[in-house]
């Protein structure tokens, strides 16, 4: 503790301070290479990789002082990277190709994606807050992997309406309100028939969808029921905006998890229904094609990929859950709907 905390405090300090991210990458680069036994290919911002991974690991620490200091250090790295990208100090004409921006995109953000999926609620809140900082600092970058399109969910002028602050709030009703506002925003945009998507596929699938699905799997008490119902409705609304590959993976995952979470069975069934109701893909069964036509391929005669997946995987799986096998008092097995 006494050796780690001063280092974390230094990383979370001003960019010009001794021991900051920028200072370590430029002044103490050779020292870090020797300490972490890095090859000479690790130069510039890449020298900081071991420290970045360590800070992410410490977000899981049970000591609140350590985890908060790690979070502050990572936020400081985002601020420095954003400033350097704006200055274009590494000679690149395109700020999206800045080495510090690439560090965030290829190292920082993948760690956040993994952290959002964790089942530990405390650390997950830190990862969600860091996602909001990424969106805030890099909303001008073109890369969809920096989630700049989520900037519209951040409300610096009115924190009570900030999605990220509310979805990580300790009070259940604040989290439910965050999901409801998100669902309303998506529904309004969908009903407007605007061809331009509100968020990218990556933002929907990697950030918003996991945040909406967590409450369903983590349901424990009746007090959480309203929150879970709102989460299920939000999942259905998000599903309307997903491409087929991500929609298919999501539905397959929920179907597979149905038997693994018996305590959440009714909510998982409700979520499956919500996802199926959001089905928005064109289906070609191939029944109207001329199989004698030499130009007609075998795949097209069997329908498109959506139909084949529905026919061979999804529908049989759903139908298998419609019939439940029960054992009566006499020990005989009976099947019922």
Protein backbone atom coordinates (compact mmCIF):
# COMPACT_ATOMS: atom_id res chain seq x y z
CA UNK A 1 0.00 0.00 0.00
CA UNK A 2 2.71 2.49 1.03
CA UNK A 3 4.69 1.77 -2.15
CA UNK A 4 1.78 1.60 -4.60
CA UNK A 5 -0.26 4.66 -3.58
CA UNK A 6 2.48 7.29 -4.23
CA UNK A 7 2.97 5.91 -7.74
CA UNK A 8 -0.77 6.02 -8.46
CA UNK A 9 -1.02 9.55 -7.08
CA UNK A 10 1.84 10.57 -9.36
CA UNK A 11 0.10 9.09 -12.39
CA UNK A 12 -3.08 10.93 -11.51
CA UNK A 13 -1.31 14.28 -11.12
CA UNK A 14 -0.82 17.12 -13.60
CA UNK A 15 0.87 16.39 -16.94
CA UNK A 16 3.95 18.40 -15.99
CA UNK A 17 4.39 16.74 -12.60
CA UNK A 18 7.21 14.33 -11.86
CA UNK A 19 5.91 10.77 -12.08
CA UNK A 20 3.02 11.58 -14.43
CA UNK A 21 2.22 9.49 -17.51
CA UNK A 22 3.88 11.96 -19.86
CA UNK A 23 6.92 12.34 -17.63
CA UNK A 24 7.44 8.59 -17.39
CA UNK A 25 7.09 8.04 -21.14
CA UNK A 26 9.50 10.82 -22.11
CA UNK A 27 11.99 11.14 -19.24
CA UNK A 28 12.07 7.73 -17.56
CA UNK A 29 11.46 5.62 -20.66
CA UNK A 30 14.72 3.69 -20.46
CA UNK A 31 14.22 3.08 -16.76
CA UNK A 32 10.78 1.61 -17.41
CA UNK A 33 12.17 -0.60 -20.16
CA UNK A 34 14.69 -2.07 -17.73
CA UNK A 35 12.18 -2.40 -14.90
CA UNK A 36 9.56 -4.22 -16.96
CA UNK A 37 12.15 -5.99 -19.16
CA UNK A 38 10.58 -4.62 -22.33
CA UNK A 39 12.10 -4.98 -25.79
CA UNK A 40 13.42 -1.90 -27.56
CA UNK A 41 10.36 -1.92 -29.83
CA UNK A 42 8.40 -0.53 -26.90
CA UNK A 43 8.96 3.19 -27.23
CA UNK A 44 6.98 6.35 -26.56
CA UNK A 45 3.54 5.77 -25.15
CA UNK A 46 3.83 1.95 -25.51
CA UNK A 47 6.34 1.92 -22.64
CA UNK A 48 3.39 2.64 -20.34
CA UNK A 49 1.54 -0.60 -21.17
CA UNK A 50 2.57 -2.51 -17.99
CA UNK A 51 1.49 0.45 -15.84
CA UNK A 52 -1.84 0.74 -17.66
CA UNK A 53 -2.64 -2.95 -17.19
CA UNK A 54 -1.64 -2.72 -13.53
CA UNK A 55 -4.00 0.22 -12.98
CA UNK A 56 -6.86 -1.72 -14.56
CA UNK A 57 -6.06 -4.71 -12.36
CA UNK A 58 -6.09 -2.50 -9.26
CA UNK A 59 -9.64 -1.35 -10.04
CA UNK A 60 -10.67 -4.75 -8.64
CA UNK A 61 -8.79 -4.15 -5.38
CA UNK A 62 -10.97 -4.36 -2.27
CA UNK A 63 -9.17 -1.34 -0.80
CA UNK A 64 -11.21 1.66 -1.90
CA UNK A 65 -8.24 4.02 -1.67
CA UNK A 66 -6.22 1.95 -4.13
CA UNK A 67 -9.09 1.45 -6.59
CA UNK A 68 -10.03 5.15 -6.55
CA UNK A 69 -6.40 6.19 -7.07
CA UNK A 70 -6.17 3.77 -10.00
CA UNK A 71 -9.33 5.19 -11.52
CA UNK A 72 -7.98 8.72 -11.16
CA UNK A 73 -4.71 7.69 -12.79
CA UNK A 74 -6.54 6.20 -15.77
CA UNK A 75 -8.69 9.32 -16.14
CA UNK A 76 -5.51 11.38 -16.15
CA UNK A 77 -4.14 9.22 -18.97
CA UNK A 78 -7.27 9.95 -21.01
CA UNK A 79 -6.88 13.69 -20.47
CA UNK A 80 -3.22 13.63 -21.48
CA UNK A 81 -3.91 11.53 -24.58
CA UNK A 82 -6.72 13.84 -25.64
CA UNK A 83 -4.55 16.93 -25.21
CA UNK A 84 -1.65 15.44 -27.15
CA UNK A 85 -3.98 14.32 -29.95
CA UNK A 86 -5.24 17.89 -30.27
CA UNK A 87 -1.70 19.27 -30.36
CA UNK A 88 -0.63 16.65 -32.95
CA UNK A 89 2.73 16.65 -31.27
CA UNK A 90 4.04 13.46 -32.84
CA UNK A 91 4.16 14.84 -36.39
CA UNK A 92 1.06 13.10 -37.76
CA UNK A 93 -1.34 15.13 -39.86
CA UNK A 94 -4.34 13.11 -38.79
CA UNK A 95 -5.13 13.30 -35.02
CA UNK A 96 -6.77 9.87 -35.32
CA UNK A 97 -3.32 8.43 -36.11
CA UNK A 98 -1.69 10.00 -33.06
CA UNK A 99 0.25 7.39 -31.05
CA UNK A 100 -1.56 8.36 -27.86
CA UNK A 101 -4.96 8.00 -29.52
CA UNK A 102 -3.91 4.60 -30.85
CA UNK A 103 -2.84 3.65 -27.32
CA UNK A 104 -6.34 4.41 -26.04
CA UNK A 105 -8.04 2.69 -28.96
CA UNK A 106 -6.00 -0.52 -29.00
CA UNK A 107 -5.14 -0.97 -25.31
CA UNK A 108 -7.34 1.17 -23.07
CA UNK A 109 -10.74 0.57 -24.67
CA UNK A 110 -10.44 -3.26 -24.95
CA UNK A 111 -9.79 -3.36 -21.20
CA UNK A 112 -12.93 -1.29 -20.65
CA UNK A 113 -15.00 -3.66 -22.80
CA UNK A 114 -13.85 -6.61 -20.71
CA UNK A 115 -14.44 -4.71 -17.48
CA UNK A 116 -18.02 -3.84 -18.38
CA UNK A 117 -18.75 -7.57 -18.69
CA UNK A 118 -17.53 -8.37 -15.17
CA UNK A 119 -20.00 -9.66 -12.60
CA UNK A 120 -18.42 -7.59 -9.82
CA UNK A 121 -20.63 -4.53 -9.50
CA UNK A 122 -18.12 -2.26 -7.75
CA UNK A 123 -15.31 -2.49 -10.33
CA UNK A 124 -17.84 -2.44 -13.16
CA UNK A 125 -19.02 1.01 -12.07
CA UNK A 126 -15.45 2.28 -12.42
CA UNK A 127 -15.23 0.86 -15.94
CA UNK A 128 -18.55 2.47 -16.95
CA UNK A 129 -17.42 5.87 -15.66
CA UNK A 130 -14.16 5.51 -17.60
CA UNK A 131 -16.17 4.77 -20.77
CA UNK A 132 -17.94 8.09 -20.30
CA UNK A 133 -14.57 9.84 -20.04
CA UNK A 134 -13.41 8.19 -23.27
CA UNK A 135 -16.57 9.41 -25.03
CA UNK A 136 -16.11 12.89 -23.58
CA UNK A 137 -12.46 13.31 -24.58
CA UNK A 138 -12.53 11.62 -27.99
CA UNK A 139 -15.91 12.58 -29.44
CA UNK A 140 -14.09 14.36 -32.28
CA UNK A 141 -12.28 11.22 -33.44
CA UNK A 142 -13.63 9.22 -36.34
CA UNK A 143 -12.96 5.79 -34.84
CA UNK A 144 -16.11 3.95 -33.74
CA UNK A 145 -13.98 2.13 -31.18
CA UNK A 146 -13.59 5.31 -29.14
CA UNK A 147 -17.37 5.60 -28.63
CA UNK A 148 -17.52 9.31 -29.30
CA UNK A 149 -21.16 8.89 -30.36
CA UNK A 150 -22.05 8.20 -26.71
CA UNK A 151 -21.18 11.81 -25.91
CA UNK A 152 -24.86 12.76 -26.28
CA UNK A 153 -25.65 10.65 -23.19
CA UNK A 154 -23.34 12.79 -21.03
CA UNK A 155 -24.92 15.83 -19.42
CA UNK A 156 -22.31 18.03 -17.78
CA UNK A 157 -24.88 20.79 -17.49
CA UNK A 158 -27.41 18.59 -15.67
CA UNK A 159 -25.88 15.56 -13.89
CA UNK A 160 -29.34 14.21 -12.97
CA UNK A 161 -29.87 13.44 -16.67
CA UNK A 162 -26.41 11.99 -17.26
CA UNK A 163 -26.83 8.37 -18.37
CA UNK A 164 -23.47 7.12 -17.10
CA UNK A 165 -23.76 8.78 -13.69
CA UNK A 166 -27.26 7.42 -13.19
CA UNK A 167 -26.65 3.89 -14.47
CA UNK A 168 -23.88 3.57 -11.86
CA UNK A 169 -25.88 5.23 -9.07
CA UNK A 170 -26.39 3.34 -5.82
CA UNK A 171 -30.16 3.97 -5.90
CA UNK A 172 -32.23 1.55 -7.97
CA UNK A 173 -34.75 4.11 -9.20
CA UNK A 174 -31.95 6.29 -10.59
CA UNK A 175 -30.60 3.35 -12.60
CA UNK A 176 -34.10 2.52 -13.83
CA UNK A 177 -34.63 6.12 -14.92
CA UNK A 178 -31.34 6.05 -16.83
CA UNK A 179 -32.50 3.01 -18.80
CA UNK A 180 -35.93 4.52 -19.38
CA UNK A 181 -34.45 7.73 -20.81
CA UNK A 182 -32.16 5.67 -23.05
CA UNK A 183 -35.11 3.58 -24.26
CA UNK A 184 -37.17 6.70 -24.94
CA UNK A 185 -34.31 8.26 -26.89
CA UNK A 186 -33.87 5.15 -29.04
CA UNK A 187 -37.62 4.73 -29.58
CA UNK A 188 -38.07 8.36 -30.62
CA UNK A 189 -35.20 8.13 -33.08
CA UNK A 190 -36.50 4.83 -34.46
CA UNK A 191 -40.01 6.23 -34.97
CA UNK A 192 -38.63 9.29 -36.77
CA UNK A 193 -37.50 7.04 -39.66
CA UNK A 194 -34.14 8.78 -39.68
CA UNK A 195 -31.75 6.80 -41.88
CA UNK A 196 -28.75 7.91 -39.84
CA UNK A 197 -28.15 5.68 -36.83
CA UNK A 198 -27.96 7.29 -33.42
CA UNK A 199 -25.13 5.04 -32.21
CA UNK A 200 -22.67 2.73 -33.94
CA UNK A 201 -23.01 -1.06 -33.88
CA UNK A 202 -20.01 -1.15 -31.53
CA UNK A 203 -21.65 1.24 -29.06
CA UNK A 204 -24.88 -0.76 -29.08
CA UNK A 205 -23.32 -4.21 -28.75
CA UNK A 206 -20.25 -3.53 -26.57
CA UNK A 207 -21.54 -0.86 -24.18
CA UNK A 208 -25.30 -0.27 -24.07
CA UNK A 209 -26.45 -3.87 -24.46
CA UNK A 210 -24.31 -5.33 -21.61
CA UNK A 211 -25.40 -2.50 -19.30
CA UNK A 212 -29.05 -3.27 -20.05
CA UNK A 213 -28.68 -7.04 -19.64
CA UNK A 214 -26.77 -7.09 -16.34
CA UNK A 215 -29.84 -6.32 -14.15
CA UNK A 216 -31.69 -9.36 -15.52
CA UNK A 217 -28.96 -11.81 -14.55
CA UNK A 218 -28.30 -10.11 -11.20
CA UNK A 219 -31.89 -10.02 -9.94
CA UNK A 220 -32.09 -11.03 -6.27
CA UNK A 221 -34.90 -9.25 -4.44
CA UNK A 222 -38.43 -8.10 -5.27
CA UNK A 223 -37.32 -4.50 -4.81
CA UNK A 224 -35.32 -4.84 -8.04
CA UNK A 225 -38.28 -6.03 -10.10
CA UNK A 226 -39.22 -2.65 -11.62
CA UNK A 227 -35.57 -2.06 -12.50
CA UNK A 228 -35.31 -5.47 -14.20
CA UNK A 229 -38.52 -4.92 -16.18
CA UNK A 230 -37.16 -1.62 -17.45
CA UNK A 231 -33.91 -3.35 -18.37
CA UNK A 232 -35.80 -5.99 -20.38
CA UNK A 233 -37.67 -3.28 -22.29
CA UNK A 234 -34.36 -1.52 -22.98
CA UNK A 235 -32.82 -4.72 -24.33
CA UNK A 236 -35.72 -5.06 -26.74
CA UNK A 237 -35.31 -1.47 -27.92
CA UNK A 238 -31.56 -1.90 -28.41
CA UNK A 239 -32.16 -5.13 -30.34
CA UNK A 240 -34.08 -3.15 -32.99
CA UNK A 241 -30.84 -1.39 -33.91
CA UNK A 242 -28.48 -4.38 -34.02
CA UNK A 243 -27.21 -6.00 -37.23
CA UNK A 244 -28.07 -9.64 -37.75
CA UNK A 245 -24.75 -11.09 -36.53
CA UNK A 246 -24.91 -9.30 -33.20
CA UNK A 247 -28.66 -9.88 -32.83
CA UNK A 248 -28.19 -13.59 -33.50
CA UNK A 249 -25.32 -13.90 -31.01
CA UNK A 250 -27.31 -12.08 -28.35
CA UNK A 251 -30.40 -14.27 -28.77
CA UNK A 252 -28.34 -17.47 -28.83
CA UNK A 253 -26.56 -16.39 -25.64
CA UNK A 254 -29.82 -15.71 -23.77
CA UNK A 255 -31.30 -19.01 -24.92
CA UNK A 256 -28.23 -20.89 -23.70
CA UNK A 257 -28.27 -19.07 -20.36
CA UNK A 258 -31.91 -19.92 -19.67
CA UNK A 259 -31.03 -23.25 -18.06
CA UNK A 260 -28.03 -21.78 -16.23
CA UNK A 261 -30.02 -19.18 -14.30
CA UNK A 262 -33.11 -20.99 -12.94
CA UNK A 263 -33.81 -18.23 -10.40
CA UNK A 264 -34.12 -15.67 -13.21
CA UNK A 265 -36.13 -17.92 -15.52
CA UNK A 266 -39.25 -15.73 -15.83
CA UNK A 267 -37.18 -12.62 -16.53
CA UNK A 268 -35.00 -14.41 -19.08
CA UNK A 269 -38.12 -15.67 -20.86
CA UNK A 270 -39.46 -12.11 -20.88
CA UNK A 271 -36.17 -10.89 -22.33
CA UNK A 272 -36.26 -13.57 -25.04
CA UNK A 273 -39.78 -12.42 -25.96
CA UNK A 274 -38.60 -8.81 -26.03
CA UNK A 275 -35.71 -9.71 -28.34
CA UNK A 276 -37.93 -11.74 -30.66
CA UNK A 277 -40.45 -8.88 -30.82
CA UNK A 278 -37.58 -6.65 -32.01
CA UNK A 279 -36.83 -8.89 -35.01
CA UNK A 280 -36.38 -6.56 -37.99
CA UNK A 281 -34.60 -8.58 -40.66
CA UNK A 282 -35.77 -9.67 -44.09
CA UNK A 283 -36.28 -13.42 -44.39
CA UNK A 284 -36.04 -15.31 -47.66
CA UNK A 285 -37.16 -18.92 -47.31
CA UNK A 286 -36.19 -19.76 -50.88
CA UNK A 287 -39.60 -21.25 -51.61
CA UNK A 288 -40.28 -18.83 -54.44
CA UNK A 289 -37.07 -19.59 -56.33
CA UNK A 290 -36.78 -21.72 -59.44
CA UNK A 291 -34.54 -24.64 -58.54
CA UNK A 292 -34.24 -25.62 -62.25
CA UNK A 293 -32.59 -22.34 -63.08
CA UNK A 294 -28.89 -23.03 -63.67
CA UNK A 295 -27.93 -19.65 -62.28
CA UNK A 296 -29.72 -20.36 -59.00
CA UNK A 297 -27.26 -21.42 -56.30
CA UNK A 298 -27.97 -24.03 -53.69
CA UNK A 299 -27.74 -21.52 -50.85
CA UNK A 300 -30.37 -19.23 -52.39
CA UNK A 301 -32.74 -22.18 -52.91
CA UNK A 302 -32.41 -22.87 -49.18
CA UNK A 303 -33.16 -19.26 -48.25
CA UNK A 304 -30.88 -16.54 -46.97
CA UNK A 305 -28.60 -16.80 -43.95
CA UNK A 306 -31.19 -15.34 -41.61
CA UNK A 307 -33.71 -18.03 -42.54
CA UNK A 308 -31.19 -20.86 -42.25
CA UNK A 309 -30.18 -19.72 -38.80
CA UNK A 310 -33.81 -19.40 -37.73
CA UNK A 311 -34.76 -22.79 -39.12
CA UNK A 312 -31.74 -24.80 -37.96
CA UNK A 313 -30.85 -23.21 -34.61
CA UNK A 314 -33.15 -20.59 -33.14
CA UNK A 315 -36.63 -22.06 -33.71
CA UNK A 316 -35.69 -25.59 -32.55
CA UNK A 317 -34.10 -24.09 -29.44
CA UNK A 318 -37.16 -21.96 -28.66
CA UNK A 319 -39.52 -24.88 -29.27
CA UNK A 320 -37.53 -27.07 -26.88
CA UNK A 321 -38.34 -24.62 -24.06
CA UNK A 322 -42.08 -24.70 -24.81
CA UNK A 323 -42.31 -28.23 -23.42
CA UNK A 324 -41.18 -28.87 -19.87
CA UNK A 325 -40.58 -32.31 -18.45
CA UNK A 326 -41.85 -32.87 -14.90
CA UNK A 327 -41.69 -35.84 -12.55
CA UNK A 328 -44.87 -36.54 -10.59
CA UNK A 329 -45.19 -38.15 -7.15
CA UNK A 330 -45.12 -41.63 -8.65
CA UNK A 331 -41.82 -40.96 -10.37
CA UNK A 332 -43.20 -40.98 -13.91
CA UNK A 333 -42.15 -38.30 -16.35
CA UNK A 334 -44.77 -36.04 -17.91
CA UNK A 335 -44.35 -33.34 -20.55
CA UNK A 336 -46.36 -30.16 -20.33
CA UNK A 337 -46.37 -26.74 -21.97
